[in-house]
Amino acid sequence: MVSVTRLLRCAPSAQSSSSRASVSAVDRSSMFSALCLTEFAAKTKQIAMNYINYETAIVERFKVKLIGWTFSWLVSPSEIGTVDDIRTLRNALKTGVCKWICLSKQELAAHVEEGG
């Protein structure tokens, strides 16, 4: 089982250490996401990823969503059949193509209304 915190550690940080941008220069949504994900990671150190009930156990409960998943549907990486598919997912996580985002109240409401 893959922990949510482990997946979060795979995502690139919101701002590189070499970049010293001022708060006014940082996009507000990026700041919100970075703060939200930091808060999420701090609260969820012991929570395991729930692939079967992802929509309710992860998205609705923690108000976060995984975007950019490279496989046909959200499954445990152990269920992805080929090495190439695993490498594609790993690369997407490392480059930030696949990442966790925080949902606003409106986004969460729309997500729930759509049925996940």
C-alpha atoms as a PDB file:
ATOM      1  CA  MET A   1       0.000   0.000   0.000  1.00  0.00           C
ATOM      2  CA  VAL A   2       1.383   3.438  -0.936  1.00  0.00           C
ATOM      3  CA  SER A   3       1.010   6.196   1.619  1.00  0.00           C
ATOM      4  CA  VAL A   4      -0.346   9.562   0.559  1.00  0.00           C
ATOM      5  CA  THR A   5       2.646  11.244   2.177  1.00  0.00           C
ATOM      6  CA  ARG A   6       5.032   9.163   0.079  1.00  0.00           C
ATOM      7  CA  LEU A   7       3.235  10.233  -3.091  1.00  0.00           C
ATOM      8  CA  LEU A   8       3.358  13.859  -1.969  1.00  0.00           C
ATOM      9  CA  ARG A   9       7.119  13.624  -1.488  1.00  0.00           C
ATOM     10  CA  CYS A  10       7.405  12.598  -5.152  1.00  0.00           C
ATOM     11  CA  ALA A  11       5.839  15.862  -6.305  1.00  0.00           C
ATOM     12  CA  PRO A  12       8.205  18.757  -6.926  1.00  0.00           C
ATOM     13  CA  SER A  13       8.149  21.611  -4.444  1.00  0.00           C
ATOM     14  CA  ALA A  14       6.119  24.706  -5.267  1.00  0.00           C
ATOM     15  CA  GLN A  15       9.221  26.885  -5.377  1.00  0.00           C
ATOM     16  CA  SER A  16      12.803  25.860  -6.006  1.00  0.00           C
ATOM     17  CA  SER A  17      15.449  26.775  -3.453  1.00  0.00           C
ATOM     18  CA  SER A  18      17.301  28.859  -6.025  1.00  0.00           C
ATOM     19  CA  SER A  19      14.229  30.995  -6.673  1.00  0.00           C
ATOM     20  CA  ARG A  20      13.625  33.803  -4.180  1.00  0.00           C
ATOM     21  CA  ALA A  21      10.441  35.286  -5.625  1.00  0.00           C
ATOM     22  CA  SER A  22       8.558  37.779  -3.499  1.00  0.00           C
ATOM     23  CA  VAL A  23       5.082  36.918  -2.251  1.00  0.00           C
ATOM     24  CA  SER A  24       3.579  39.494  -4.607  1.00  0.00           C
ATOM     25  CA  ALA A  25       5.166  37.736  -7.596  1.00  0.00           C
ATOM     26  CA  VAL A  26       3.855  34.281  -6.666  1.00  0.00           C
ATOM     27  CA  ASP A  27       0.581  33.212  -8.196  1.00  0.00           C
ATOM     28  CA  ARG A  28      -2.108  33.073  -5.484  1.00  0.00           C
ATOM     29  CA  SER A  29      -3.416  29.708  -6.587  1.00  0.00           C
ATOM     30  CA  SER A  30       0.075  28.226  -6.438  1.00  0.00           C
ATOM     31  CA  MET A  31       0.518  29.599  -2.926  1.00  0.00           C
ATOM     32  CA  PHE A  32      -2.859  28.189  -1.906  1.00  0.00           C
ATOM     33  CA  SER A  33      -1.961  24.784  -3.315  1.00  0.00           C
ATOM     34  CA  ALA A  34       1.456  24.731  -1.661  1.00  0.00           C
ATOM     35  CA  LEU A  35       0.035  25.700   1.724  1.00  0.00           C
ATOM     36  CA  CYS A  36      -2.868  23.312   1.376  1.00  0.00           C
ATOM     37  CA  LEU A  37      -0.631  20.400   0.417  1.00  0.00           C
ATOM     38  CA  THR A  38       1.816  21.166   3.229  1.00  0.00           C
ATOM     39  CA  GLU A  39      -1.076  21.191   5.678  1.00  0.00           C
ATOM     40  CA  PHE A  40      -2.488  18.028   4.122  1.00  0.00           C
ATOM     41  CA  ALA A  41       0.851  16.220   4.382  1.00  0.00           C
ATOM     42  CA  ALA A  42       1.264  17.256   8.015  1.00  0.00           C
ATOM     43  CA  LYS A  43      -2.175  15.890   8.907  1.00  0.00           C
ATOM     44  CA  THR A  44      -1.961  12.676   6.909  1.00  0.00           C
ATOM     45  CA  LYS A  45       1.364  11.129   7.796  1.00  0.00           C
ATOM     46  CA  GLN A  46      -0.298   7.856   8.779  1.00  0.00           C
ATOM     47  CA  ILE A  47      -3.050   7.724   6.153  1.00  0.00           C
ATOM     48  CA  ALA A  48      -2.735   5.121   3.428  1.00  0.00           C
ATOM     49  CA  MET A  49      -3.843   5.804  -0.115  1.00  0.00           C
ATOM     50  CA  ASN A  50      -7.273   4.308  -0.786  1.00  0.00           C
ATOM     51  CA  TYR A  51      -7.526   3.514  -4.493  1.00  0.00           C
ATOM     52  CA  ILE A  52     -10.835   1.644  -4.297  1.00  0.00           C
ATOM     53  CA  ASN A  53     -12.731   4.411  -2.457  1.00  0.00           C
ATOM     54  CA  TYR A  54     -10.545   7.275  -3.670  1.00  0.00           C
ATOM     55  CA  GLU A  55     -13.418   9.676  -4.381  1.00  0.00           C
ATOM     56  CA  THR A  56     -14.882   9.559  -0.869  1.00  0.00           C
ATOM     57  CA  ALA A  57     -11.907   8.478   1.238  1.00  0.00           C
ATOM     58  CA  ILE A  58      -9.416  10.926  -0.258  1.00  0.00           C
ATOM     59  CA  VAL A  59     -11.017  13.604  -2.455  1.00  0.00           C
ATOM     60  CA  GLU A  60     -14.129  14.362  -0.406  1.00  0.00           C
ATOM     61  CA  ARG A  61     -12.557  13.811   3.007  1.00  0.00           C
ATOM     62  CA  PHE A  62      -9.302  15.730   2.505  1.00  0.00           C
ATOM     63  CA  LYS A  63     -10.345  18.092  -0.310  1.00  0.00           C
ATOM     64  CA  VAL A  64      -7.400  17.097  -2.491  1.00  0.00           C
ATOM     65  CA  LYS A  65      -7.261  15.470  -5.899  1.00  0.00           C
ATOM     66  CA  LEU A  66      -4.584  13.698  -7.890  1.00  0.00           C
ATOM     67  CA  ILE A  67      -4.305  15.091 -11.418  1.00  0.00           C
ATOM     68  CA  GLY A  68      -2.215  13.900 -14.332  1.00  0.00           C
ATOM     69  CA  TRP A  69      -2.399  10.195 -13.483  1.00  0.00           C
ATOM     70  CA  THR A  70      -0.846   8.436 -16.464  1.00  0.00           C
ATOM     71  CA  PHE A  71      -2.674   5.131 -16.331  1.00  0.00           C
ATOM     72  CA  SER A  72      -6.178   4.519 -17.716  1.00  0.00           C
ATOM     73  CA  TRP A  73      -7.789   4.647 -14.265  1.00  0.00           C
ATOM     74  CA  LEU A  74      -6.619   5.242 -10.710  1.00  0.00           C
ATOM     75  CA  VAL A  75      -5.156   1.992  -9.414  1.00  0.00           C
ATOM     76  CA  SER A  76      -2.387   1.054  -7.055  1.00  0.00           C
ATOM     77  CA  PRO A  77       0.975   1.241  -8.824  1.00  0.00           C
ATOM     78  CA  SER A  78       1.416  -2.436  -7.930  1.00  0.00           C
ATOM     79  CA  GLU A  79      -1.517  -3.201 -10.246  1.00  0.00           C
ATOM     80  CA  ILE A  80       0.006  -1.427 -13.242  1.00  0.00           C
ATOM     81  CA  GLY A  81       1.203  -4.208 -15.496  1.00  0.00           C
ATOM     82  CA  THR A  82       4.215  -2.984 -17.422  1.00  0.00           C
ATOM     83  CA  VAL A  83       7.530  -1.466 -16.457  1.00  0.00           C
ATOM     84  CA  ASP A  84       7.074   1.224 -19.107  1.00  0.00           C
ATOM     85  CA  ASP A  85       3.744   2.292 -17.543  1.00  0.00           C
ATOM     86  CA  ILE A  86       5.369   2.463 -14.098  1.00  0.00           C
ATOM     87  CA  ARG A  87       8.259   4.530 -15.474  1.00  0.00           C
ATOM     88  CA  THR A  88       5.814   6.883 -17.185  1.00  0.00           C
ATOM     89  CA  LEU A  89       3.969   7.366 -13.881  1.00  0.00           C
ATOM     90  CA  ARG A  90       7.217   7.863 -11.961  1.00  0.00           C
ATOM     91  CA  ASN A  91       8.394  10.472 -14.451  1.00  0.00           C
ATOM     92  CA  ALA A  92       5.046  12.271 -14.301  1.00  0.00           C
ATOM     93  CA  LEU A  93       5.277  12.420 -10.492  1.00  0.00           C
ATOM     94  CA  LYS A  94       8.887  13.614 -10.571  1.00  0.00           C
ATOM     95  CA  THR A  95       8.234  16.354 -13.130  1.00  0.00           C
ATOM     96  CA  GLY A  96       4.973  17.533 -11.581  1.00  0.00           C
ATOM     97  CA  VAL A  97       2.755  16.481 -14.482  1.00  0.00           C
ATOM     98  CA  CYS A  98       1.033  14.164 -11.994  1.00  0.00           C
ATOM     99  CA  LYS A  99       0.470  15.918  -8.670  1.00  0.00           C
ATOM    100  CA  TRP A 100      -1.888  16.553  -5.791  1.00  0.00           C
ATOM    101  CA  ILE A 101      -3.987  19.684  -5.894  1.00  0.00           C
ATOM    102  CA  CYS A 102      -6.223  21.174  -3.245  1.00  0.00           C
ATOM    103  CA  LEU A 103      -9.836  21.768  -4.123  1.00  0.00           C
ATOM    104  CA  SER A 104     -11.644  24.978  -3.238  1.00  0.00           C
ATOM    105  CA  LYS A 105     -15.104  24.701  -1.692  1.00  0.00           C
ATOM    106  CA  GLN A 106     -16.648  25.348  -5.106  1.00  0.00           C
ATOM    107  CA  GLU A 107     -14.456  22.758  -6.848  1.00  0.00           C
ATOM    108  CA  LEU A 108     -15.260  20.186  -4.172  1.00  0.00           C
ATOM    109  CA  ALA A 109     -18.991  20.890  -4.444  1.00  0.00           C
ATOM    110  CA  ALA A 110     -18.840  20.517  -8.237  1.00  0.00           C
ATOM    111  CA  HIS A 111     -16.823  17.303  -7.875  1.00  0.00           C
ATOM    112  CA  VAL A 112     -19.374  15.815  -5.464  1.00  0.00           C
ATOM    113  CA  GLU A 113     -22.287  16.964  -7.639  1.00  0.00           C
ATOM    114  CA  GLU A 114     -20.740  15.273 -10.693  1.00  0.00           C
ATOM    115  CA  GLY A 115     -20.480  12.049  -8.716  1.00  0.00           C
ATOM    116  CA  GLY A 116     -16.692  12.113  -8.519  1.00  0.00           C
END
